[in-house]
């Protein structure tokens, strides 16, 4: 018997080579092809990836410089770098170096100048009031004096009227005696009367003429007196007008001094307020709760310039946000309120960018704002805040921590996303619907 023809049953040979069994490779092939085909129809969330850093949502919560409000010399440090301070805690104390403010009693001395200026203003006010009283007295005296002259002028006018009536009577008598004398003279020439009678008539005529001349002189004198009274009246008017004008000038001068004094007093009061406020600037206080870092001055006695940075305070309480930069081509796809997923540096995460719901270790955010001008790095800045409806951000986050952002876009089939990337097409443009609107939250 041929030893080779003898068949020895080998169990291991049957187990390994499966020579007598049907192959299942094609079943596996068909299954894998069907699985891949079904996978192509799975939903895929389009996204934009961008790198960013942790910042604060509010400007006052970002690290801020503590500057010296005035030039001075460091007298004492109350904190050291790394210390945490509360709002209003003393950071350091400085002293004055300008010669204009070295006087320790500068505020009180300036206040004395204010009080002295107030006294001068009160004196000028009294002088102005006195000038007003003087003007009133002069006006009353002027009125009284003019009234006296007007009364005297009225009396002279009455006197003139009487004298004119008397002159008229004397003139009538003169005319009568004149006629009688002329007739007597004619009769004397005819020899009808004696020379004695003619002389008597002449005497009567001369007496009447003398009375008429006397009456006319009296009227002329009265008129002269009236003219003198009118001149005196004008003189009184001019005299008192000059005195009143002088008093008015004194009053206006006093008012001018008052206004000037009030301006100087306001300036002095401003200096008092400035000096008082400046005295409060010698102690630099913490503007808010935070940590002191990056001290710019190291020792006692160093000189600080006006506005020079002393140190930096990092606020303790911060509403964190992420500032990330997107390419100009992706900017139209970013809108306010858009969802963003983040991976923070130092926090482990498993990312499936197309299936954010299956990712682990990511944190949610919402786009708060984006700038409408390009940054110096050639991209647009987008500010993303924490999503209150999602997983809270870690408490260990610090300002400046790096973050990888994934802005979520439209949900599309996986085959469409592969086709889009193979052809180099951008993600689909879409807009968010307003809350409460019908349909899905995104539309193409």
Protein backbone atom coordinates (compact mmCIF):
# COMPACT_ATOMS: atom_id res chain seq x y z
CA UNK A 1 0.00 0.00 0.00
CA UNK A 2 1.28 3.33 -1.04
CA UNK A 3 1.93 5.38 2.06
CA UNK A 4 1.10 8.56 0.22
CA UNK A 5 -2.30 7.35 -0.70
CA UNK A 6 -3.16 6.75 2.84
CA UNK A 7 -5.29 9.59 4.08
CA UNK A 8 -4.63 10.61 7.62
CA UNK A 9 -7.34 12.87 9.13
CA UNK A 10 -5.72 16.18 10.16
CA UNK A 11 -8.03 18.41 12.17
CA UNK A 12 -5.84 21.50 11.95
CA UNK A 13 -5.67 21.27 8.18
CA UNK A 14 -9.43 21.25 7.85
CA UNK A 15 -9.79 24.13 10.27
CA UNK A 16 -7.28 26.45 8.53
CA UNK A 17 -7.82 25.89 4.82
CA UNK A 18 -11.57 25.23 4.73
CA UNK A 19 -11.17 23.52 1.44
CA UNK A 20 -14.55 21.91 1.48
CA UNK A 21 -16.54 25.02 2.63
CA UNK A 22 -18.19 27.82 0.61
CA UNK A 23 -16.39 31.26 0.60
CA UNK A 24 -18.17 34.23 2.32
CA UNK A 25 -15.96 36.98 0.85
CA UNK A 26 -18.54 38.20 -1.58
CA UNK A 27 -21.10 38.48 1.18
CA UNK A 28 -18.71 40.63 3.12
CA UNK A 29 -17.97 42.67 0.01
CA UNK A 30 -21.64 43.24 -0.71
CA UNK A 31 -22.28 44.13 2.91
CA UNK A 32 -19.45 46.62 3.03
CA UNK A 33 -20.55 48.22 -0.24
CA UNK A 34 -24.14 48.51 0.99
CA UNK A 35 -22.93 49.93 4.32
CA UNK A 36 -20.78 52.50 2.54
CA UNK A 37 -23.68 53.36 0.25
CA UNK A 38 -25.97 53.89 3.23
CA UNK A 39 -23.25 55.88 4.94
CA UNK A 40 -23.18 58.31 2.03
CA UNK A 41 -26.75 59.26 2.85
CA UNK A 42 -26.02 60.01 6.50
CA UNK A 43 -26.53 63.70 7.49
CA UNK A 44 -23.41 65.81 7.66
CA UNK A 45 -23.19 69.24 9.24
CA UNK A 46 -21.20 71.67 7.14
CA UNK A 47 -18.86 73.84 9.20
CA UNK A 48 -16.20 76.50 9.19
CA UNK A 49 -13.07 75.94 11.26
CA UNK A 50 -11.24 78.89 12.76
CA UNK A 51 -8.60 79.44 15.41
CA UNK A 52 -9.20 81.85 18.26
CA UNK A 53 -8.25 82.94 21.77
CA UNK A 54 -10.13 83.43 25.01
CA UNK A 55 -11.07 87.05 25.72
CA UNK A 56 -13.77 88.87 27.67
CA UNK A 57 -17.21 89.73 26.41
CA UNK A 58 -17.03 93.16 28.09
CA UNK A 59 -14.17 95.64 27.74
CA UNK A 60 -14.01 96.42 31.45
CA UNK A 61 -13.32 92.73 32.20
CA UNK A 62 -10.18 92.57 30.08
CA UNK A 63 -6.68 93.16 31.50
CA UNK A 64 -6.21 96.86 31.95
CA UNK A 65 -3.29 99.12 32.65
CA UNK A 66 -3.11 101.03 35.91
CA UNK A 67 -1.55 104.37 35.03
CA UNK A 68 -0.27 107.20 37.16
CA UNK A 69 -2.84 110.05 37.00
CA UNK A 70 -0.18 112.64 37.91
CA UNK A 71 3.61 112.78 37.86
CA UNK A 72 5.10 111.75 41.16
CA UNK A 73 7.60 109.69 43.14
CA UNK A 74 6.85 106.21 44.50
CA UNK A 75 6.73 106.26 48.29
CA UNK A 76 5.31 102.84 49.15
CA UNK A 77 4.16 99.66 47.45
CA UNK A 78 1.14 98.01 49.11
CA UNK A 79 1.07 94.91 46.87
CA UNK A 80 3.44 92.70 44.91
CA UNK A 81 3.07 90.94 41.60
CA UNK A 82 0.65 88.01 41.76
CA UNK A 83 -1.39 89.43 44.65
CA UNK A 84 -5.18 89.48 44.38
CA UNK A 85 -6.82 92.75 45.36
CA UNK A 86 -10.35 93.97 45.92
CA UNK A 87 -11.83 97.07 44.39
CA UNK A 88 -10.58 100.11 46.32
CA UNK A 89 -7.51 98.39 47.80
CA UNK A 90 -4.32 100.45 47.87
CA UNK A 91 -1.76 99.48 45.25
CA UNK A 92 0.90 102.10 45.89
CA UNK A 93 1.40 105.60 47.27
CA UNK A 94 3.19 108.43 45.48
CA UNK A 95 4.35 111.90 46.53
CA UNK A 96 4.41 115.25 44.72
CA UNK A 97 7.42 116.34 42.67
CA UNK A 98 6.12 119.54 41.01
CA UNK A 99 7.11 122.75 42.79
CA UNK A 100 3.66 124.25 42.20
CA UNK A 101 2.10 121.67 44.53
CA UNK A 102 4.77 121.15 47.19
CA UNK A 103 3.09 123.41 49.77
CA UNK A 104 1.31 121.10 52.27
CA UNK A 105 -1.20 123.89 53.02
CA UNK A 106 -1.87 124.65 49.37
CA UNK A 107 -5.59 123.92 49.59
CA UNK A 108 -6.18 125.99 52.73
CA UNK A 109 -4.17 128.94 51.39
CA UNK A 110 -6.07 128.89 48.14
CA UNK A 111 -9.31 128.73 50.12
CA UNK A 112 -8.21 131.84 52.01
CA UNK A 113 -7.75 133.58 48.67
CA UNK A 114 -11.29 132.55 47.77
CA UNK A 115 -12.63 134.03 51.02
CA UNK A 116 -10.66 137.25 50.46
CA UNK A 117 -12.05 137.52 46.95
CA UNK A 118 -15.56 136.96 48.33
CA UNK A 119 -15.00 139.85 50.78
CA UNK A 120 -13.82 142.12 47.96
CA UNK A 121 -16.90 141.21 45.94
CA UNK A 122 -19.13 142.06 48.90
CA UNK A 123 -17.38 145.44 49.26
CA UNK A 124 -17.95 146.20 45.59
CA UNK A 125 -21.58 145.16 45.97
CA UNK A 126 -21.91 147.62 48.85
CA UNK A 127 -20.27 150.32 46.78
CA UNK A 128 -22.63 149.61 43.92
CA UNK A 129 -25.60 149.82 46.30
CA UNK A 130 -24.24 153.12 47.67
CA UNK A 131 -23.92 154.46 44.14
CA UNK A 132 -27.55 153.54 43.51
CA UNK A 133 -28.61 155.38 46.68
CA UNK A 134 -26.48 158.35 45.69
CA UNK A 135 -28.07 158.41 42.24
CA UNK A 136 -31.52 158.31 43.79
CA UNK A 137 -30.61 161.18 46.16
CA UNK A 138 -29.17 163.24 43.29
CA UNK A 139 -32.23 162.56 41.18
CA UNK A 140 -34.48 163.71 44.03
CA UNK A 141 -32.34 166.84 44.62
CA UNK A 142 -32.42 167.58 40.91
CA UNK A 143 -36.18 167.26 40.82
CA UNK A 144 -36.51 169.47 43.90
CA UNK A 145 -34.15 172.14 42.58
CA UNK A 146 -35.84 172.23 39.20
CA UNK A 147 -39.21 172.49 40.93
CA UNK A 148 -37.94 175.48 42.90
CA UNK A 149 -36.72 177.19 39.74
CA UNK A 150 -39.97 176.40 37.97
CA UNK A 151 -41.89 177.97 40.85
CA UNK A 152 -39.64 181.03 40.74
CA UNK A 153 -40.10 181.20 36.99
CA UNK A 154 -43.87 181.04 37.49
CA UNK A 155 -43.71 183.87 40.01
CA UNK A 156 -41.66 185.98 37.60
CA UNK A 157 -44.12 185.17 34.86
CA UNK A 158 -46.98 186.39 37.06
CA UNK A 159 -44.97 189.44 37.94
CA UNK A 160 -44.34 190.09 34.26
CA UNK A 161 -48.04 189.80 33.53
CA UNK A 162 -48.83 192.38 36.25
CA UNK A 163 -46.12 194.69 35.07
CA UNK A 164 -47.36 194.41 31.50
CA UNK A 165 -50.88 195.36 32.70
CA UNK A 166 -49.43 198.25 34.68
CA UNK A 167 -47.44 199.34 31.60
CA UNK A 168 -50.59 199.25 29.53
CA UNK A 169 -52.37 201.55 32.06
CA UNK A 170 -49.38 203.86 32.23
CA UNK A 171 -49.21 203.89 28.43
CA UNK A 172 -52.88 204.93 28.26
CA UNK A 173 -52.22 207.66 30.80
CA UNK A 174 -49.13 208.71 28.87
CA UNK A 175 -51.06 208.92 25.63
CA UNK A 176 -53.75 210.99 27.36
CA UNK A 177 -51.26 213.45 28.89
CA UNK A 178 -49.43 213.62 25.59
CA UNK A 179 -52.64 214.64 23.78
CA UNK A 180 -53.46 217.14 26.49
CA UNK A 181 -49.97 218.62 26.28
CA UNK A 182 -50.11 218.91 22.51
CA UNK A 183 -53.52 220.62 22.64
CA UNK A 184 -52.28 222.90 25.39
CA UNK A 185 -49.26 223.80 23.30
CA UNK A 186 -51.46 224.68 20.32
CA UNK A 187 -53.70 226.79 22.55
CA UNK A 188 -50.59 228.51 23.97
CA UNK A 189 -49.44 229.31 20.46
CA UNK A 190 -52.89 230.84 19.82
CA UNK A 191 -52.65 232.75 23.08
CA UNK A 192 -55.61 231.03 24.65
CA UNK A 193 -53.69 229.72 27.71
CA UNK A 194 -50.84 231.04 29.75
CA UNK A 195 -47.32 229.72 29.76
CA UNK A 196 -47.83 228.53 33.32
CA UNK A 197 -50.63 226.25 32.26
CA UNK A 198 -48.50 224.95 29.40
CA UNK A 199 -45.66 224.20 31.81
CA UNK A 200 -48.07 222.35 34.14
CA UNK A 201 -49.21 220.19 31.23
CA UNK A 202 -45.62 219.59 30.24
CA UNK A 203 -44.77 218.50 33.79
CA UNK A 204 -47.69 216.07 33.79
CA UNK A 205 -46.61 214.74 30.40
CA UNK A 206 -43.01 214.29 31.55
CA UNK A 207 -44.19 212.48 34.69
CA UNK A 208 -46.32 210.12 32.59
CA UNK A 209 -43.35 209.54 30.26
CA UNK A 210 -41.13 208.78 33.24
CA UNK A 211 -43.69 206.29 34.61
CA UNK A 212 -43.88 204.60 31.23
CA UNK A 213 -40.11 204.30 30.98
CA UNK A 214 -39.95 202.98 34.55
CA UNK A 215 -42.64 200.39 33.79
CA UNK A 216 -40.83 199.30 30.65
CA UNK A 217 -37.59 198.99 32.61
CA UNK A 218 -39.35 196.89 35.22
CA UNK A 219 -40.69 194.56 32.50
CA UNK A 220 -37.24 194.30 30.92
CA UNK A 221 -35.75 193.52 34.35
CA UNK A 222 -38.36 190.85 35.01
CA UNK A 223 -37.69 189.26 31.65
CA UNK A 224 -33.99 189.34 32.42
CA UNK A 225 -34.65 187.59 35.71
CA UNK A 226 -36.73 184.97 33.93
CA UNK A 227 -33.88 184.39 31.48
CA UNK A 228 -31.45 184.06 34.38
CA UNK A 229 -33.76 181.49 36.05
CA UNK A 230 -33.98 179.47 32.83
CA UNK A 231 -30.20 179.55 32.50
CA UNK A 232 -29.89 178.48 36.11
CA UNK A 233 -32.40 175.72 35.45
CA UNK A 234 -30.29 174.44 32.57
CA UNK A 235 -27.19 174.68 34.75
CA UNK A 236 -28.87 172.65 37.51
CA UNK A 237 -29.98 170.07 34.93
CA UNK A 238 -26.45 169.78 33.58
CA UNK A 239 -24.84 169.75 37.03
CA UNK A 240 -27.03 166.98 38.39
CA UNK A 241 -26.85 165.00 35.16
CA UNK A 242 -23.07 165.09 35.46
CA UNK A 243 -23.24 164.00 39.10
CA UNK A 244 -25.70 161.22 38.34
CA UNK A 245 -23.57 160.09 35.40
CA UNK A 246 -20.53 160.00 37.66
CA UNK A 247 -22.44 157.96 40.24
CA UNK A 248 -23.65 155.65 37.46
CA UNK A 249 -20.07 155.28 36.27
CA UNK A 250 -18.99 154.37 39.80
CA UNK A 251 -21.81 151.83 39.98
CA UNK A 252 -20.86 150.26 36.65
CA UNK A 253 -17.22 150.21 37.71
CA UNK A 254 -18.26 148.39 40.89
CA UNK A 255 -20.35 145.93 38.86
CA UNK A 256 -17.36 145.37 36.58
CA UNK A 257 -15.17 144.69 39.60
CA UNK A 258 -17.83 142.34 40.94
CA UNK A 259 -17.95 140.40 37.67
CA UNK A 260 -14.16 140.30 37.49
CA UNK A 261 -13.97 139.21 41.12
CA UNK A 262 -16.56 136.48 40.57
CA UNK A 263 -14.54 135.20 37.62
CA UNK A 264 -11.36 135.18 39.70
CA UNK A 265 -13.21 133.55 42.59
CA UNK A 266 -14.57 130.83 40.27
CA UNK A 267 -11.03 130.26 39.04
CA UNK A 268 -9.75 130.02 42.61
CA UNK A 269 -12.58 127.66 43.57
CA UNK A 270 -11.67 125.55 40.54
CA UNK A 271 -8.09 125.47 41.77
CA UNK A 272 -9.26 124.44 45.25
CA UNK A 273 -11.29 121.61 43.74
CA UNK A 274 -8.38 120.57 41.53
CA UNK A 275 -5.95 120.64 44.43
CA UNK A 276 -8.37 118.64 46.60
CA UNK A 277 -8.85 116.03 43.87
CA UNK A 278 -5.09 115.96 43.24
CA UNK A 279 -4.48 115.24 46.92
CA UNK A 280 -6.64 112.15 46.49
CA UNK A 281 -4.49 110.94 43.59
CA UNK A 282 -1.43 110.31 45.72
CA UNK A 283 -2.84 106.88 46.62
CA UNK A 284 -3.41 104.59 43.60
CA UNK A 285 -6.39 102.30 44.22
CA UNK A 286 -7.50 99.12 42.48
CA UNK A 287 -10.30 99.93 40.02
CA UNK A 288 -11.84 96.44 40.38
CA UNK A 289 -11.23 92.98 41.81
CA UNK A 290 -8.32 91.25 40.15
CA UNK A 291 -4.71 90.10 40.15
CA UNK A 292 -1.72 92.44 39.94
CA UNK A 293 0.76 91.49 37.20
CA UNK A 294 3.49 93.07 35.07
CA UNK A 295 4.64 95.80 37.46
CA UNK A 296 6.51 98.41 35.43
CA UNK A 297 8.31 100.02 38.39
CA UNK A 298 10.31 98.03 40.88
CA UNK A 299 11.54 100.24 43.69
CA UNK A 300 10.92 103.09 46.10
CA UNK A 301 11.71 106.61 44.93
CA UNK A 302 11.30 105.94 41.22
CA UNK A 303 9.75 108.80 39.26
CA UNK A 304 6.47 108.33 37.42
CA UNK A 305 5.43 110.42 34.46
CA UNK A 306 1.92 111.66 33.87
CA UNK A 307 -0.12 108.73 32.47
CA UNK A 308 2.77 106.23 32.71
CA UNK A 309 1.78 102.58 33.16
CA UNK A 310 2.50 101.30 36.66
CA UNK A 311 1.14 97.76 36.51
CA UNK A 312 -1.60 95.63 34.99
CA UNK A 313 -4.67 94.24 36.75
CA UNK A 314 -6.39 91.11 35.47
CA UNK A 315 -10.06 91.08 36.58
CA UNK A 316 -11.14 88.17 38.71
CA UNK A 317 -14.69 87.99 37.43
CA UNK A 318 -14.80 87.58 33.66
CA UNK A 319 -17.57 86.76 31.20
CA UNK A 320 -15.47 84.75 28.81
CA UNK A 321 -15.80 84.86 25.06
CA UNK A 322 -13.73 83.68 22.11
CA UNK A 323 -12.40 85.97 19.44
CA UNK A 324 -11.71 84.00 16.31
CA UNK A 325 -10.79 85.07 12.80
CA UNK A 326 -12.51 83.76 9.67
CA UNK A 327 -11.46 84.07 6.04
CA UNK A 328 -13.19 86.70 3.90
CA UNK A 329 -14.70 83.93 1.77
CA UNK A 330 -16.39 82.46 4.87
CA UNK A 331 -17.65 85.76 6.30
CA UNK A 332 -21.03 85.68 4.45
CA UNK A 333 -21.72 82.34 6.16
CA UNK A 334 -21.38 83.85 9.65
CA UNK A 335 -24.41 85.46 11.30
CA UNK A 336 -25.34 86.67 14.77
CA UNK A 337 -26.75 83.89 16.95
CA UNK A 338 -25.03 81.12 14.96
CA UNK A 339 -23.97 78.02 16.89
CA UNK A 340 -20.24 77.32 17.34
CA UNK A 341 -18.46 74.34 18.95
CA UNK A 342 -15.10 74.84 20.69
CA UNK A 343 -12.11 72.78 21.72
CA UNK A 344 -10.09 74.61 24.38
CA UNK A 345 -6.36 74.09 24.75
CA UNK A 346 -5.61 71.81 27.68
CA UNK A 347 -9.02 70.12 27.67
CA UNK A 348 -9.20 66.71 25.93
CA UNK A 349 -11.82 66.29 23.24
CA UNK A 350 -12.91 63.84 20.56
CA UNK A 351 -14.14 65.70 17.49
CA UNK A 352 -16.41 64.63 14.67
CA UNK A 353 -16.78 67.91 12.87
CA UNK A 354 -19.67 66.67 10.72
CA UNK A 355 -21.50 65.09 13.65
CA UNK A 356 -21.22 67.61 16.50
CA UNK A 357 -23.80 65.72 18.56
CA UNK A 358 -21.42 62.72 18.68
CA UNK A 359 -18.37 64.77 19.65
CA UNK A 360 -16.98 64.66 23.18
CA UNK A 361 -15.23 67.38 25.16
CA UNK A 362 -16.50 70.31 23.07
CA UNK A 363 -18.28 73.36 24.37
CA UNK A 364 -21.03 75.44 22.77
CA UNK A 365 -21.10 79.10 21.89
CA UNK A 366 -23.12 81.69 20.01
CA UNK A 367 -21.89 84.37 17.66
CA UNK A 368 -22.43 87.72 19.38
CA UNK A 369 -20.90 90.08 16.84
CA UNK A 370 -18.53 90.23 13.92
CA UNK A 371 -16.55 93.16 12.62
CA UNK A 372 -17.37 94.71 9.27
CA UNK A 373 -13.77 95.68 8.59
CA UNK A 374 -10.86 93.41 7.88
CA UNK A 375 -8.13 92.99 10.47
CA UNK A 376 -4.41 93.41 9.94
CA UNK A 377 -4.02 89.64 9.51
CA UNK A 378 -6.29 89.68 6.45
CA UNK A 379 -9.25 88.03 8.18
CA UNK A 380 -12.43 89.17 9.92
CA UNK A 381 -12.79 89.10 13.71
CA UNK A 382 -15.80 87.24 15.15
CA UNK A 383 -16.77 87.39 18.84
CA UNK A 384 -18.44 84.27 20.27
CA UNK A 385 -19.98 84.12 23.75
CA UNK A 386 -20.91 81.13 25.89
CA UNK A 387 -24.15 79.38 24.95
CA UNK A 388 -26.27 79.40 28.11
CA UNK A 389 -28.34 76.45 26.85
CA UNK A 390 -25.28 74.23 26.37
CA UNK A 391 -22.58 72.74 28.54
CA UNK A 392 -20.97 75.38 30.80
CA UNK A 393 -17.45 76.44 29.89
CA UNK A 394 -14.65 75.29 32.23
CA UNK A 395 -13.93 77.45 35.25
CA UNK A 396 -10.20 76.93 34.66
CA UNK A 397 -10.22 79.02 31.47
CA UNK A 398 -7.84 81.97 31.43
CA UNK A 399 -7.59 84.97 29.17
CA UNK A 400 -5.45 84.17 26.16
CA UNK A 401 -6.13 80.42 26.16
CA UNK A 402 -6.30 79.03 22.63
CA UNK A 403 -9.52 77.70 21.18
CA UNK A 404 -10.38 75.80 18.01
CA UNK A 405 -13.81 76.88 16.76
CA UNK A 406 -16.17 74.99 14.48
CA UNK A 407 -19.03 77.15 13.21
CA UNK A 408 -21.97 74.87 12.40
CA UNK A 409 -23.72 75.42 9.07
CA UNK A 410 -26.29 73.55 7.00
CA UNK A 411 -27.07 69.84 7.38
CA UNK A 412 -26.42 68.00 4.08
CA UNK A 413 -25.95 64.33 3.03
CA UNK A 414 -22.44 62.95 3.36
CA UNK A 415 -22.18 62.24 -0.38
CA UNK A 416 -22.97 65.92 -1.12
CA UNK A 417 -20.24 67.09 1.26
CA UNK A 418 -17.72 64.71 -0.37
CA UNK A 419 -18.74 65.91 -3.82
CA UNK A 420 -18.44 69.57 -2.68
CA UNK A 421 -14.94 69.08 -1.27
CA UNK A 422 -13.76 67.12 -4.34
CA UNK A 423 -14.89 70.00 -6.56
CA UNK A 424 -13.59 72.69 -4.21
CA UNK A 425 -16.99 74.36 -3.74
CA UNK A 426 -17.59 76.53 -0.63
CA UNK A 427 -20.19 75.56 1.98
CA UNK A 428 -23.82 76.38 1.13
CA UNK A 429 -24.94 79.94 1.92
CA UNK A 430 -27.83 79.98 4.34
CA UNK A 431 -29.56 82.28 6.83
CA UNK A 432 -30.93 81.62 10.27
CA UNK A 433 -34.68 81.89 10.68
CA UNK A 434 -36.08 84.06 13.41
CA UNK A 435 -37.01 82.23 16.66
CA UNK A 436 -40.56 81.01 16.59
CA UNK A 437 -40.76 80.81 12.79
CA UNK A 438 -42.09 77.67 11.11
CA UNK A 439 -39.77 75.12 9.61
CA UNK A 440 -36.18 74.35 10.43
CA UNK A 441 -33.79 76.83 11.97
CA UNK A 442 -31.70 77.08 8.78
CA UNK A 443 -32.54 77.66 5.17
CA UNK A 444 -30.49 77.79 2.03
